[in-house]
């Protein structure tokens, strides 16, 4: 079974909130939308609408991976995952899979740190994280994959291979380092100077404005990266 990147974001958020904030779980559609769109602990950051979240929940219910419960004091339907039941995952495996779905490829140490908040997670035990990764990778339909260490990286990475990426391809290669990706914006197009020399002043002003915009964007992304690394 393969799921979409959007379905993975919804499931990852349900798992995370169930394990880290159980008092506010299950989640209403509005709370689930906010969890999907939060700017911290997410890569990429998205902007889902409530109707979009409800549509993905319908798909996940049809796949047997989530449920919407009503009654018992709930004024609105509340959403919950049943990934552990559907796939036969233990708490350690569930935590590892969730952080990979929410943040993409990571090192073993990053996964260990980020799963330490999960109630049924490996609690900072790197050996337990390794064992969970091995079990997830050894399934008949693997859910994660260990990636080769790339030039410039100190550690190899692990990524999920259950959900398709936004482009529709399942992750099988080492992803670009998330920090580098988030701190290196695509340069703004810089107008070329006309060969005939006319309007040279206006063209130079446009080039300067484009460079200033690119610098401002790079500074913003660097600030976001530093804030994330400080978590």
N, C-alpha and C. Protein backbone atom coordinates (compact mmCIF):
# COMPACT_ATOMS: atom_id res chain seq x y z
N UNK A 1 0.85 -1.20 0.00
CA UNK A 1 0.00 0.00 0.00
C UNK A 1 0.88 1.25 0.00
N UNK A 2 0.65 2.14 -0.93
CA UNK A 2 1.37 3.40 -0.97
C UNK A 2 0.39 4.53 -0.71
N UNK A 3 0.82 5.50 0.06
CA UNK A 3 -0.03 6.66 0.34
C UNK A 3 0.61 7.91 -0.24
N UNK A 4 -0.16 8.97 -0.33
CA UNK A 4 0.35 10.22 -0.88
C UNK A 4 1.09 11.02 0.19
N UNK A 5 1.83 12.02 -0.27
CA UNK A 5 2.54 12.89 0.67
C UNK A 5 1.56 13.62 1.58
N UNK A 6 0.40 13.99 1.04
CA UNK A 6 -0.60 14.70 1.84
C UNK A 6 -1.21 13.78 2.90
N UNK A 7 -1.49 12.55 2.52
CA UNK A 7 -2.01 11.58 3.50
C UNK A 7 -0.97 11.30 4.57
N UNK A 8 0.30 11.24 4.18
CA UNK A 8 1.37 11.01 5.15
C UNK A 8 1.47 12.16 6.15
N UNK A 9 1.29 13.39 5.68
CA UNK A 9 1.34 14.54 6.59
C UNK A 9 0.22 14.44 7.62
N UNK A 10 -0.98 14.10 7.18
CA UNK A 10 -2.11 13.98 8.09
C UNK A 10 -1.87 12.86 9.11
N UNK A 11 -1.44 11.70 8.63
CA UNK A 11 -1.17 10.57 9.53
C UNK A 11 -0.05 10.90 10.50
N UNK A 12 1.03 11.49 9.99
CA UNK A 12 2.15 11.83 10.87
C UNK A 12 1.73 12.76 11.99
N UNK A 13 0.86 13.73 11.67
CA UNK A 13 0.38 14.66 12.69
C UNK A 13 -0.50 13.96 13.72
N UNK A 14 -1.36 13.06 13.26
CA UNK A 14 -2.21 12.32 14.20
C UNK A 14 -1.37 11.47 15.14
N UNK A 15 -0.36 10.81 14.60
CA UNK A 15 0.52 9.99 15.45
C UNK A 15 1.26 10.87 16.44
N UNK A 16 1.83 11.97 15.95
CA UNK A 16 2.60 12.86 16.82
C UNK A 16 1.74 13.39 17.96
N UNK A 17 0.55 13.89 17.66
CA UNK A 17 -0.29 14.47 18.70
C UNK A 17 -0.81 13.41 19.67
N UNK A 18 -1.08 12.21 19.16
CA UNK A 18 -1.52 11.13 20.05
C UNK A 18 -0.45 10.78 21.06
N UNK A 19 0.82 10.86 20.65
CA UNK A 19 1.93 10.46 21.51
C UNK A 19 2.47 11.59 22.37
N UNK A 20 2.35 12.83 21.90
CA UNK A 20 2.98 13.95 22.62
C UNK A 20 1.99 14.83 23.37
N UNK A 21 0.73 14.89 22.92
CA UNK A 21 -0.29 15.69 23.61
C UNK A 21 -1.58 14.87 23.72
N UNK A 22 -1.54 13.75 24.44
CA UNK A 22 -2.71 12.86 24.48
C UNK A 22 -3.96 13.50 25.06
N UNK A 23 -3.80 14.53 25.90
CA UNK A 23 -4.98 15.16 26.51
C UNK A 23 -5.84 15.89 25.48
N UNK A 24 -5.25 16.29 24.36
CA UNK A 24 -6.01 17.01 23.33
C UNK A 24 -6.26 16.15 22.09
N UNK A 25 -6.16 14.85 22.26
CA UNK A 25 -6.34 13.89 21.17
C UNK A 25 -7.56 13.02 21.47
N UNK A 26 -8.38 12.63 20.46
CA UNK A 26 -8.29 12.87 19.02
C UNK A 26 -8.46 14.35 18.65
N UNK A 27 -8.22 14.66 17.36
CA UNK A 27 -8.19 16.04 16.91
C UNK A 27 -9.41 16.39 16.07
N UNK A 28 -9.93 17.60 16.28
CA UNK A 28 -10.95 18.12 15.39
C UNK A 28 -10.32 18.44 14.04
N UNK A 29 -11.13 18.69 13.04
CA UNK A 29 -10.60 19.04 11.72
C UNK A 29 -9.76 20.31 11.81
N UNK A 30 -10.20 21.28 12.60
CA UNK A 30 -9.46 22.53 12.72
C UNK A 30 -8.12 22.30 13.41
N UNK A 31 -8.10 21.49 14.46
CA UNK A 31 -6.84 21.20 15.16
C UNK A 31 -5.90 20.40 14.28
N UNK A 32 -6.45 19.49 13.50
CA UNK A 32 -5.62 18.69 12.60
C UNK A 32 -5.04 19.57 11.49
N UNK A 33 -5.83 20.50 10.99
CA UNK A 33 -5.32 21.44 9.98
C UNK A 33 -4.16 22.25 10.55
N UNK A 34 -4.32 22.74 11.78
CA UNK A 34 -3.25 23.52 12.40
C UNK A 34 -2.00 22.68 12.60
N UNK A 35 -2.17 21.41 12.97
CA UNK A 35 -1.01 20.53 13.16
C UNK A 35 -0.29 20.29 11.84
N UNK A 36 -1.05 20.12 10.76
CA UNK A 36 -0.44 19.91 9.45
C UNK A 36 0.34 21.14 8.99
N UNK A 37 -0.18 22.32 9.30
CA UNK A 37 0.39 23.57 8.77
C UNK A 37 1.42 24.21 9.69
N UNK A 38 1.69 23.65 10.86
CA UNK A 38 2.62 24.31 11.77
C UNK A 38 4.00 24.42 11.13
N UNK A 39 4.70 25.49 11.47
CA UNK A 39 5.97 25.80 10.82
C UNK A 39 7.15 25.08 11.45
N UNK A 40 7.00 24.58 12.68
CA UNK A 40 8.10 23.88 13.34
C UNK A 40 7.91 22.37 13.22
N UNK A 41 9.03 21.66 13.18
CA UNK A 41 9.03 20.19 13.11
C UNK A 41 8.32 19.66 11.88
N UNK A 42 8.33 20.42 10.78
CA UNK A 42 7.69 20.00 9.54
C UNK A 42 8.62 20.32 8.36
N UNK A 43 8.70 19.43 7.41
CA UNK A 43 9.44 19.68 6.18
C UNK A 43 8.81 18.84 5.07
N UNK A 44 8.19 19.48 4.10
CA UNK A 44 8.08 20.93 3.91
C UNK A 44 6.94 21.50 4.74
N UNK A 45 6.93 22.84 4.89
CA UNK A 45 5.80 23.52 5.51
C UNK A 45 4.69 23.63 4.46
N UNK A 46 3.46 23.34 4.87
CA UNK A 46 2.34 23.34 3.93
C UNK A 46 1.26 24.30 4.41
N UNK A 47 0.25 24.49 3.59
CA UNK A 47 -0.86 25.37 3.93
C UNK A 47 -2.16 24.69 3.47
N UNK A 48 -2.62 23.71 4.25
CA UNK A 48 -3.84 22.99 3.92
C UNK A 48 -5.05 23.75 4.43
N UNK A 49 -6.15 23.65 3.71
CA UNK A 49 -7.43 24.15 4.19
C UNK A 49 -8.16 23.04 4.93
N UNK A 50 -9.18 23.43 5.71
CA UNK A 50 -9.90 22.44 6.51
C UNK A 50 -10.61 21.42 5.62
N UNK A 51 -11.17 21.87 4.49
CA UNK A 51 -11.83 20.93 3.58
C UNK A 51 -10.83 19.95 2.99
N UNK A 52 -9.62 20.43 2.72
CA UNK A 52 -8.58 19.55 2.19
C UNK A 52 -8.21 18.47 3.21
N UNK A 53 -8.08 18.88 4.46
CA UNK A 53 -7.77 17.92 5.52
C UNK A 53 -8.89 16.89 5.64
N UNK A 54 -10.14 17.34 5.59
CA UNK A 54 -11.27 16.42 5.67
C UNK A 54 -11.26 15.43 4.50
N UNK A 55 -10.88 15.91 3.31
CA UNK A 55 -10.82 15.03 2.14
C UNK A 55 -9.75 13.96 2.33
N UNK A 56 -8.61 14.34 2.87
CA UNK A 56 -7.54 13.36 3.12
C UNK A 56 -7.95 12.38 4.21
N UNK A 57 -8.68 12.87 5.21
CA UNK A 57 -9.17 11.96 6.25
C UNK A 57 -10.14 10.93 5.67
N UNK A 58 -10.98 11.35 4.75
CA UNK A 58 -11.90 10.40 4.10
C UNK A 58 -11.11 9.32 3.37
N UNK A 59 -10.06 9.72 2.67
CA UNK A 59 -9.22 8.75 1.96
C UNK A 59 -8.56 7.78 2.93
N UNK A 60 -8.08 8.30 4.05
CA UNK A 60 -7.40 7.46 5.04
C UNK A 60 -8.37 6.51 5.72
N UNK A 61 -9.59 6.94 5.95
CA UNK A 61 -10.60 6.04 6.51
C UNK A 61 -10.89 4.90 5.53
N UNK A 62 -10.96 5.23 4.25
CA UNK A 62 -11.21 4.21 3.24
C UNK A 62 -10.06 3.21 3.14
N UNK A 63 -8.85 3.67 3.46
CA UNK A 63 -7.69 2.78 3.46
C UNK A 63 -7.56 1.99 4.77
N UNK A 64 -8.40 2.29 5.74
CA UNK A 64 -8.34 1.60 7.02
C UNK A 64 -7.21 2.07 7.91
N UNK A 65 -6.72 3.32 7.70
CA UNK A 65 -5.59 3.84 8.46
C UNK A 65 -5.99 4.89 9.49
N UNK A 66 -7.24 5.34 9.44
CA UNK A 66 -7.69 6.37 10.38
C UNK A 66 -9.19 6.22 10.59
N UNK A 67 -9.67 6.88 11.65
CA UNK A 67 -11.09 6.85 11.97
C UNK A 67 -11.52 8.24 12.45
N UNK A 68 -12.81 8.53 12.28
CA UNK A 68 -13.41 9.73 12.83
C UNK A 68 -14.46 9.30 13.83
N UNK A 69 -14.31 9.78 15.06
CA UNK A 69 -15.21 9.34 16.13
C UNK A 69 -16.14 10.48 16.51
N UNK A 70 -17.34 10.13 16.91
CA UNK A 70 -18.34 11.11 17.35
C UNK A 70 -18.93 10.64 18.67
N UNK A 71 -19.72 11.52 19.29
CA UNK A 71 -20.34 11.16 20.56
C UNK A 71 -19.36 11.28 21.71
N UNK A 72 -19.72 10.73 22.86
CA UNK A 72 -18.89 10.75 24.07
C UNK A 72 -18.45 12.17 24.42
N UNK A 73 -19.37 13.13 24.27
CA UNK A 73 -19.05 14.50 24.64
C UNK A 73 -18.45 15.32 23.53
N UNK A 74 -18.19 14.71 22.35
CA UNK A 74 -17.62 15.46 21.24
C UNK A 74 -18.74 16.21 20.52
N UNK A 75 -18.62 17.53 20.42
CA UNK A 75 -19.61 18.30 19.67
C UNK A 75 -19.38 18.18 18.17
N UNK A 76 -18.14 17.90 17.77
CA UNK A 76 -17.80 17.69 16.36
C UNK A 76 -17.04 16.38 16.25
N UNK A 77 -16.96 15.86 15.04
CA UNK A 77 -16.19 14.64 14.84
C UNK A 77 -14.72 14.86 15.15
N UNK A 78 -14.09 13.88 15.76
CA UNK A 78 -12.66 13.95 16.09
C UNK A 78 -11.93 12.83 15.33
N UNK A 79 -10.72 13.15 14.90
CA UNK A 79 -9.96 12.24 14.05
C UNK A 79 -8.84 11.54 14.82
N UNK A 80 -8.63 10.28 14.51
CA UNK A 80 -7.56 9.49 15.13
C UNK A 80 -6.97 8.54 14.08
N UNK A 81 -5.73 8.14 14.30
CA UNK A 81 -5.10 7.17 13.40
C UNK A 81 -5.26 5.77 13.98
N UNK A 82 -5.15 4.78 13.12
CA UNK A 82 -5.09 3.37 13.57
C UNK A 82 -3.96 2.68 12.81
N UNK A 83 -2.87 3.43 12.56
CA UNK A 83 -1.75 2.91 11.79
C UNK A 83 -1.12 1.71 12.49
N UNK A 84 -0.98 1.81 13.81
CA UNK A 84 -0.36 0.70 14.53
C UNK A 84 -1.19 -0.58 14.39
N UNK A 85 -2.52 -0.46 14.46
CA UNK A 85 -3.38 -1.63 14.29
C UNK A 85 -3.35 -2.14 12.85
N UNK A 86 -3.44 -1.21 11.88
CA UNK A 86 -3.53 -1.60 10.48
C UNK A 86 -2.25 -2.25 9.98
N UNK A 87 -1.10 -1.76 10.44
CA UNK A 87 0.18 -2.27 9.94
C UNK A 87 0.93 -3.15 10.93
N UNK A 88 0.38 -3.29 12.13
CA UNK A 88 1.05 -4.12 13.14
C UNK A 88 2.35 -3.52 13.64
N UNK A 89 2.35 -2.23 13.95
CA UNK A 89 3.56 -1.55 14.41
C UNK A 89 3.57 -1.39 15.92
N UNK A 90 4.74 -1.51 16.51
CA UNK A 90 4.85 -1.22 17.94
C UNK A 90 5.14 0.27 18.12
N UNK A 91 5.22 0.71 19.38
CA UNK A 91 5.38 2.13 19.66
C UNK A 91 6.66 2.72 19.10
N UNK A 92 7.76 1.96 19.16
CA UNK A 92 9.03 2.46 18.64
C UNK A 92 8.95 2.65 17.13
N UNK A 93 8.40 1.66 16.44
CA UNK A 93 8.29 1.74 14.99
C UNK A 93 7.37 2.88 14.57
N UNK A 94 6.29 3.05 15.31
CA UNK A 94 5.34 4.11 15.00
C UNK A 94 6.00 5.48 15.14
N UNK A 95 6.78 5.67 16.19
CA UNK A 95 7.44 6.96 16.41
C UNK A 95 8.45 7.26 15.30
N UNK A 96 9.25 6.27 14.93
CA UNK A 96 10.24 6.46 13.87
C UNK A 96 9.55 6.82 12.56
N UNK A 97 8.51 6.09 12.22
CA UNK A 97 7.80 6.34 10.97
C UNK A 97 7.18 7.74 10.97
N UNK A 98 6.64 8.16 12.10
CA UNK A 98 5.98 9.46 12.17
C UNK A 98 6.96 10.61 11.93
N UNK A 99 8.12 10.59 12.59
CA UNK A 99 9.06 11.70 12.41
C UNK A 99 9.61 11.73 10.99
N UNK A 100 9.74 10.58 10.35
CA UNK A 100 10.20 10.55 8.97
C UNK A 100 9.12 11.10 8.03
N UNK A 101 7.86 10.81 8.31
CA UNK A 101 6.78 11.34 7.47
C UNK A 101 6.65 12.85 7.64
N UNK A 102 6.97 13.35 8.82
CA UNK A 102 6.81 14.78 9.09
C UNK A 102 8.01 15.61 8.68
N UNK A 103 9.22 15.02 8.68
CA UNK A 103 10.43 15.83 8.46
C UNK A 103 11.34 15.30 7.37
N UNK A 104 10.97 14.21 6.71
CA UNK A 104 11.82 13.69 5.65
C UNK A 104 13.03 12.95 6.18
N UNK A 105 14.00 12.71 5.30
CA UNK A 105 15.18 11.93 5.65
C UNK A 105 15.99 12.54 6.78
N UNK A 106 16.45 11.70 7.71
CA UNK A 106 17.19 12.17 8.89
C UNK A 106 18.25 11.14 9.28
N UNK A 107 19.21 11.59 10.06
CA UNK A 107 20.20 10.68 10.60
C UNK A 107 19.61 9.91 11.78
N UNK A 108 20.30 8.84 12.16
CA UNK A 108 19.83 8.06 13.30
C UNK A 108 19.77 8.92 14.57
N UNK A 109 20.77 9.78 14.76
CA UNK A 109 20.78 10.63 15.95
C UNK A 109 19.63 11.62 15.95
N UNK A 110 19.31 12.18 14.78
CA UNK A 110 18.18 13.10 14.69
C UNK A 110 16.87 12.38 15.02
N UNK A 111 16.71 11.19 14.48
CA UNK A 111 15.50 10.41 14.77
C UNK A 111 15.42 10.11 16.26
N UNK A 112 16.55 9.75 16.86
CA UNK A 112 16.58 9.44 18.29
C UNK A 112 16.13 10.64 19.12
N UNK A 113 16.64 11.82 18.78
CA UNK A 113 16.27 13.03 19.52
C UNK A 113 14.80 13.37 19.33
N UNK A 114 14.32 13.24 18.11
CA UNK A 114 12.97 13.71 17.79
C UNK A 114 11.88 12.73 18.22
N UNK A 115 12.23 11.49 18.46
CA UNK A 115 11.24 10.53 18.96
C UNK A 115 11.23 10.46 20.48
N UNK A 116 12.12 11.19 21.13
CA UNK A 116 12.21 11.11 22.60
C UNK A 116 10.95 11.66 23.27
N UNK A 117 10.17 12.49 22.57
CA UNK A 117 8.95 13.07 23.15
C UNK A 117 7.75 12.12 23.04
N UNK A 118 7.88 11.07 22.24
CA UNK A 118 6.74 10.19 21.99
C UNK A 118 6.54 9.24 23.17
N UNK A 119 5.31 9.17 23.67
CA UNK A 119 5.01 8.41 24.88
C UNK A 119 5.43 6.95 24.76
N UNK A 120 5.18 6.35 23.61
CA UNK A 120 5.54 4.95 23.40
C UNK A 120 6.79 4.79 22.55
N UNK A 121 7.55 5.88 22.41
CA UNK A 121 8.75 5.86 21.59
C UNK A 121 9.94 5.25 22.31
N UNK A 122 11.10 5.27 21.64
CA UNK A 122 12.30 4.64 22.21
C UNK A 122 12.97 5.41 23.32
N UNK A 123 12.44 6.60 23.69
CA UNK A 123 12.91 7.34 24.87
C UNK A 123 14.40 7.63 24.82
N UNK A 124 14.88 8.07 23.66
CA UNK A 124 16.28 8.47 23.55
C UNK A 124 17.27 7.33 23.43
N UNK A 125 16.80 6.11 23.26
CA UNK A 125 17.68 4.95 23.17
C UNK A 125 18.04 4.72 21.70
N UNK A 126 19.29 5.07 21.33
CA UNK A 126 19.71 4.97 19.93
C UNK A 126 19.68 3.53 19.43
N UNK A 127 20.03 2.57 20.29
CA UNK A 127 20.00 1.17 19.88
C UNK A 127 18.57 0.73 19.56
N UNK A 128 17.62 1.20 20.37
CA UNK A 128 16.22 0.86 20.12
C UNK A 128 15.73 1.49 18.82
N UNK A 129 16.20 2.70 18.50
CA UNK A 129 15.86 3.34 17.23
C UNK A 129 16.42 2.53 16.07
N UNK A 130 17.67 2.11 16.18
CA UNK A 130 18.27 1.28 15.13
C UNK A 130 17.47 0.00 14.91
N UNK A 131 17.06 -0.63 15.99
CA UNK A 131 16.30 -1.87 15.88
C UNK A 131 14.95 -1.63 15.21
N UNK A 132 14.30 -0.51 15.56
CA UNK A 132 13.01 -0.19 14.95
C UNK A 132 13.18 0.09 13.46
N UNK A 133 14.23 0.80 13.10
CA UNK A 133 14.51 1.07 11.69
C UNK A 133 14.70 -0.23 10.92
N UNK A 134 15.48 -1.15 11.51
CA UNK A 134 15.74 -2.44 10.86
C UNK A 134 14.43 -3.21 10.64
N UNK A 135 13.55 -3.20 11.63
CA UNK A 135 12.28 -3.92 11.48
C UNK A 135 11.41 -3.29 10.39
N UNK A 136 11.37 -1.96 10.36
CA UNK A 136 10.58 -1.27 9.35
C UNK A 136 11.13 -1.50 7.95
N UNK A 137 12.46 -1.59 7.84
CA UNK A 137 13.09 -1.79 6.54
C UNK A 137 13.01 -3.24 6.07
N UNK A 138 12.83 -4.19 7.01
CA UNK A 138 12.85 -5.61 6.67
C UNK A 138 11.47 -6.17 6.34
N UNK A 139 10.43 -5.34 6.43
CA UNK A 139 9.08 -5.82 6.12
C UNK A 139 8.99 -6.23 4.65
N UNK A 140 8.02 -7.08 4.34
CA UNK A 140 7.84 -7.50 2.95
C UNK A 140 7.56 -6.30 2.05
N UNK A 141 6.84 -5.31 2.58
CA UNK A 141 6.69 -4.01 1.93
C UNK A 141 7.36 -2.99 2.84
N UNK A 142 8.65 -2.72 2.61
CA UNK A 142 9.40 -1.85 3.53
C UNK A 142 8.75 -0.49 3.69
N UNK A 143 8.83 0.02 4.91
CA UNK A 143 8.29 1.35 5.20
C UNK A 143 9.39 2.40 5.29
N UNK A 144 10.63 1.98 5.55
CA UNK A 144 11.76 2.91 5.58
C UNK A 144 12.93 2.29 4.82
N UNK A 145 13.89 3.14 4.49
CA UNK A 145 15.08 2.68 3.79
C UNK A 145 16.29 3.40 4.36
N UNK A 146 17.38 2.66 4.53
CA UNK A 146 18.65 3.27 4.94
C UNK A 146 19.36 3.74 3.68
N UNK A 147 19.81 4.98 3.67
CA UNK A 147 20.43 5.59 2.50
C UNK A 147 21.95 5.62 2.65
N UNK A 148 22.63 5.58 1.53
CA UNK A 148 24.08 5.67 1.55
C UNK A 148 24.52 7.06 2.01
N UNK A 149 25.61 7.10 2.77
CA UNK A 149 26.13 8.40 3.20
C UNK A 149 26.63 9.15 1.97
N UNK A 150 26.21 10.40 1.86
CA UNK A 150 26.58 11.22 0.73
C UNK A 150 27.81 12.06 1.03
N UNK A 151 28.56 12.48 -0.01
CA UNK A 151 29.73 13.34 0.21
C UNK A 151 29.36 14.58 1.02
N UNK A 152 30.16 14.88 2.01
CA UNK A 152 29.91 16.04 2.85
C UNK A 152 29.04 15.76 4.06
N UNK A 153 28.45 14.56 4.13
CA UNK A 153 27.62 14.20 5.28
C UNK A 153 28.44 13.38 6.27
N UNK A 154 28.23 13.62 7.55
CA UNK A 154 28.96 12.87 8.58
C UNK A 154 28.30 11.54 8.87
N UNK A 155 26.98 11.45 8.65
CA UNK A 155 26.26 10.22 8.94
C UNK A 155 25.33 9.87 7.78
N UNK A 156 25.07 8.58 7.57
CA UNK A 156 24.05 8.21 6.58
C UNK A 156 22.68 8.58 7.11
N UNK A 157 21.72 8.65 6.21
CA UNK A 157 20.36 9.04 6.58
C UNK A 157 19.40 7.88 6.39
N UNK A 158 18.25 8.03 7.00
CA UNK A 158 17.14 7.08 6.86
C UNK A 158 15.96 7.88 6.34
N UNK A 159 15.17 7.29 5.44
CA UNK A 159 13.97 7.98 4.96
C UNK A 159 12.83 6.99 4.88
N UNK A 160 11.62 7.49 4.91
CA UNK A 160 10.45 6.63 4.74
C UNK A 160 10.28 6.33 3.25
N UNK A 161 9.78 5.17 2.93
CA UNK A 161 9.51 4.82 1.53
C UNK A 161 8.08 4.31 1.38
N UNK A 162 7.22 4.73 2.28
CA UNK A 162 5.81 4.36 2.25
C UNK A 162 5.01 5.36 1.45
N UNK A 163 5.26 6.65 1.69
CA UNK A 163 4.49 7.71 1.03
C UNK A 163 5.26 8.25 -0.16
N UNK A 164 4.52 8.52 -1.23
CA UNK A 164 5.12 9.17 -2.38
C UNK A 164 5.48 10.61 -2.03
N UNK A 165 6.47 11.15 -2.71
CA UNK A 165 6.81 12.56 -2.52
C UNK A 165 5.77 13.40 -3.24
N UNK A 166 5.90 14.73 -3.10
CA UNK A 166 4.96 15.62 -3.78
C UNK A 166 5.01 15.45 -5.29
N UNK A 167 6.17 14.99 -5.81
CA UNK A 167 6.29 14.79 -7.25
C UNK A 167 5.77 13.42 -7.67
N UNK A 168 5.37 12.59 -6.68
CA UNK A 168 4.78 11.30 -7.01
C UNK A 168 5.77 10.15 -6.98
N UNK A 169 7.03 10.39 -6.64
CA UNK A 169 8.02 9.32 -6.62
C UNK A 169 8.31 8.92 -5.19
N UNK A 170 8.41 7.62 -4.93
CA UNK A 170 8.74 7.14 -3.60
C UNK A 170 10.21 7.41 -3.33
N UNK A 171 10.53 7.84 -2.10
CA UNK A 171 11.91 8.17 -1.76
C UNK A 171 12.77 6.93 -1.80
N UNK A 172 13.82 6.93 -2.64
CA UNK A 172 14.75 5.81 -2.72
C UNK A 172 16.19 6.30 -2.72
N UNK A 173 16.41 7.62 -2.83
CA UNK A 173 17.74 8.17 -2.87
C UNK A 173 17.92 9.11 -1.70
N UNK A 174 19.18 9.39 -1.40
CA UNK A 174 19.45 10.30 -0.28
C UNK A 174 18.87 11.66 -0.59
N UNK A 175 18.05 12.20 0.32
CA UNK A 175 17.48 13.53 0.07
C UNK A 175 18.52 14.60 0.27
N UNK A 176 18.29 15.77 -0.32
CA UNK A 176 19.15 16.91 -0.08
C UNK A 176 19.06 17.27 1.38
N UNK A 177 20.18 17.59 1.98
CA UNK A 177 20.18 17.94 3.40
C UNK A 177 19.13 19.01 3.66
N UNK A 178 18.24 18.75 4.64
CA UNK A 178 17.12 19.65 4.88
C UNK A 178 17.60 21.04 5.26
N UNK A 179 18.69 21.11 6.03
CA UNK A 179 19.18 22.43 6.42
C UNK A 179 19.64 23.22 5.22
N UNK A 180 20.37 22.56 4.30
CA UNK A 180 20.85 23.24 3.11
C UNK A 180 19.68 23.65 2.24
N UNK A 181 18.70 22.77 2.10
CA UNK A 181 17.56 23.05 1.25
C UNK A 181 16.78 24.24 1.77
N UNK A 182 16.64 24.34 3.11
CA UNK A 182 15.82 25.41 3.67
C UNK A 182 16.56 26.74 3.70
N UNK A 183 17.90 26.72 3.65
CA UNK A 183 18.65 27.96 3.78
C UNK A 183 19.16 28.48 2.45
N UNK A 184 18.94 27.76 1.35
CA UNK A 184 19.44 28.20 0.06
C UNK A 184 18.27 28.45 -0.88
N UNK A 185 17.79 29.69 -0.96
CA UNK A 185 16.64 29.97 -1.81
C UNK A 185 17.02 29.98 -3.28
N UNK A 186 16.02 29.79 -4.13
CA UNK A 186 16.24 29.92 -5.56
C UNK A 186 16.44 31.39 -5.88
N UNK A 187 17.57 31.75 -6.51
CA UNK A 187 17.83 33.17 -6.77
C UNK A 187 16.73 33.78 -7.63
N UNK A 188 16.40 35.03 -7.33
CA UNK A 188 15.41 35.73 -8.15
C UNK A 188 16.03 36.03 -9.50
N UNK A 189 15.23 35.98 -10.57
CA UNK A 189 15.77 36.28 -11.89
C UNK A 189 16.27 37.71 -11.95
N UNK A 190 17.44 37.92 -12.54
CA UNK A 190 18.04 39.24 -12.63
C UNK A 190 17.98 39.71 -14.07
N UNK A 191 17.33 40.83 -14.34
CA UNK A 191 17.20 41.29 -15.72
C UNK A 191 18.55 41.54 -16.36
N UNK A 192 18.68 41.21 -17.62
CA UNK A 192 19.90 41.46 -18.37
C UNK A 192 19.91 42.90 -18.88
N UNK A 193 21.10 43.47 -19.02
CA UNK A 193 21.22 44.83 -19.54
C UNK A 193 21.02 44.80 -21.05
N UNK A 194 20.13 45.62 -21.60
CA UNK A 194 19.90 45.60 -23.04
C UNK A 194 21.17 45.90 -23.80
N UNK A 195 21.40 45.20 -24.92
CA UNK A 195 22.65 45.40 -25.68
C UNK A 195 22.78 46.79 -26.24
N UNK A 196 21.66 47.49 -26.47
CA UNK A 196 21.78 48.81 -27.08
C UNK A 196 22.07 49.91 -26.07
N UNK A 197 22.10 49.57 -24.78
CA UNK A 197 22.46 50.53 -23.75
C UNK A 197 21.34 51.43 -23.30
N UNK A 198 20.16 51.37 -23.92
CA UNK A 198 19.04 52.21 -23.52
C UNK A 198 18.50 51.76 -22.16
N UNK A 199 17.96 52.68 -21.44
CA UNK A 199 17.34 52.43 -20.13
C UNK A 199 18.30 51.71 -19.18
N UNK A 200 19.58 52.02 -19.29
CA UNK A 200 20.57 51.32 -18.47
C UNK A 200 20.35 51.58 -16.98
N UNK A 201 20.00 52.80 -16.63
CA UNK A 201 19.80 53.12 -15.21
C UNK A 201 18.63 52.32 -14.64
N UNK A 202 17.52 52.24 -15.40
CA UNK A 202 16.35 51.49 -14.93
C UNK A 202 16.67 50.01 -14.78
N UNK A 203 17.46 49.50 -15.72
CA UNK A 203 17.81 48.08 -15.67
C UNK A 203 18.69 47.77 -14.47
N UNK A 204 19.67 48.68 -14.20
CA UNK A 204 20.53 48.47 -13.04
C UNK A 204 19.73 48.55 -11.75
N UNK A 205 18.74 49.43 -11.71
CA UNK A 205 17.89 49.53 -10.52
C UNK A 205 17.10 48.25 -10.32
N UNK A 206 16.63 47.65 -11.43
CA UNK A 206 15.88 46.39 -11.33
C UNK A 206 16.79 45.27 -10.85
N UNK A 207 18.03 45.25 -11.35
CA UNK A 207 18.99 44.22 -10.90
C UNK A 207 19.26 44.36 -9.40
N UNK A 208 19.42 45.60 -8.94
CA UNK A 208 19.70 45.83 -7.52
C UNK A 208 18.51 45.39 -6.66
N UNK A 209 17.29 45.69 -7.12
CA UNK A 209 16.10 45.29 -6.36
C UNK A 209 16.00 43.78 -6.27
N UNK A 210 16.31 43.08 -7.38
CA UNK A 210 16.25 41.62 -7.39
C UNK A 210 17.28 41.03 -6.43
N UNK A 211 18.49 41.61 -6.43
CA UNK A 211 19.53 41.11 -5.52
C UNK A 211 19.15 41.35 -4.06
N UNK A 212 18.56 42.50 -3.77
CA UNK A 212 18.14 42.78 -2.39
C UNK A 212 17.04 41.83 -1.95
N UNK A 213 16.12 41.50 -2.87
CA UNK A 213 15.05 40.56 -2.53
C UNK A 213 15.61 39.18 -2.26
N UNK A 214 16.60 38.75 -3.09
CA UNK A 214 17.21 37.44 -2.89
C UNK A 214 17.94 37.38 -1.54
N UNK A 215 18.64 38.48 -1.21
CA UNK A 215 19.36 38.53 0.07
C UNK A 215 18.40 38.49 1.25
N UNK A 216 17.29 39.20 1.15
CA UNK A 216 16.30 39.20 2.23
C UNK A 216 15.71 37.82 2.42
N UNK A 217 15.44 37.12 1.31
CA UNK A 217 14.86 35.77 1.41
C UNK A 217 15.86 34.81 2.03
N UNK A 218 17.14 34.93 1.63
CA UNK A 218 18.15 34.05 2.20
C UNK A 218 18.31 34.30 3.71
N UNK A 219 18.27 35.57 4.09
CA UNK A 219 18.37 35.91 5.51
C UNK A 219 17.20 35.33 6.29
N UNK A 220 15.99 35.43 5.73
CA UNK A 220 14.81 34.87 6.40
C UNK A 220 14.94 33.37 6.59
N UNK A 221 15.37 32.68 5.55
CA UNK A 221 15.48 31.22 5.65
C UNK A 221 16.58 30.80 6.61
N UNK A 222 17.66 31.58 6.65
CA UNK A 222 18.73 31.28 7.60
C UNK A 222 18.23 31.45 9.03
N UNK A 223 17.42 32.49 9.28
CA UNK A 223 16.84 32.68 10.62
C UNK A 223 15.97 31.50 11.00
N UNK A 224 15.17 31.00 10.04
CA UNK A 224 14.30 29.83 10.31
C UNK A 224 15.15 28.61 10.65
N UNK A 225 16.24 28.43 9.90
CA UNK A 225 17.12 27.29 10.15
C UNK A 225 17.74 27.36 11.53
N UNK A 226 18.23 28.56 11.90
CA UNK A 226 18.85 28.71 13.22
C UNK A 226 17.84 28.47 14.33
N UNK A 227 16.60 28.91 14.11
CA UNK A 227 15.54 28.69 15.11
C UNK A 227 15.26 27.20 15.24
N UNK A 228 15.23 26.49 14.09
CA UNK A 228 14.94 25.05 14.13
C UNK A 228 16.07 24.29 14.82
N UNK A 229 17.32 24.65 14.51
CA UNK A 229 18.45 23.96 15.13
C UNK A 229 18.52 24.23 16.62
N UNK A 230 17.90 25.33 17.04
CA UNK A 230 17.91 25.64 18.46
C UNK A 230 16.86 24.92 19.26
N UNK A 231 15.94 24.13 18.53
CA UNK A 231 14.89 23.39 19.25
C UNK A 231 15.49 22.38 20.21
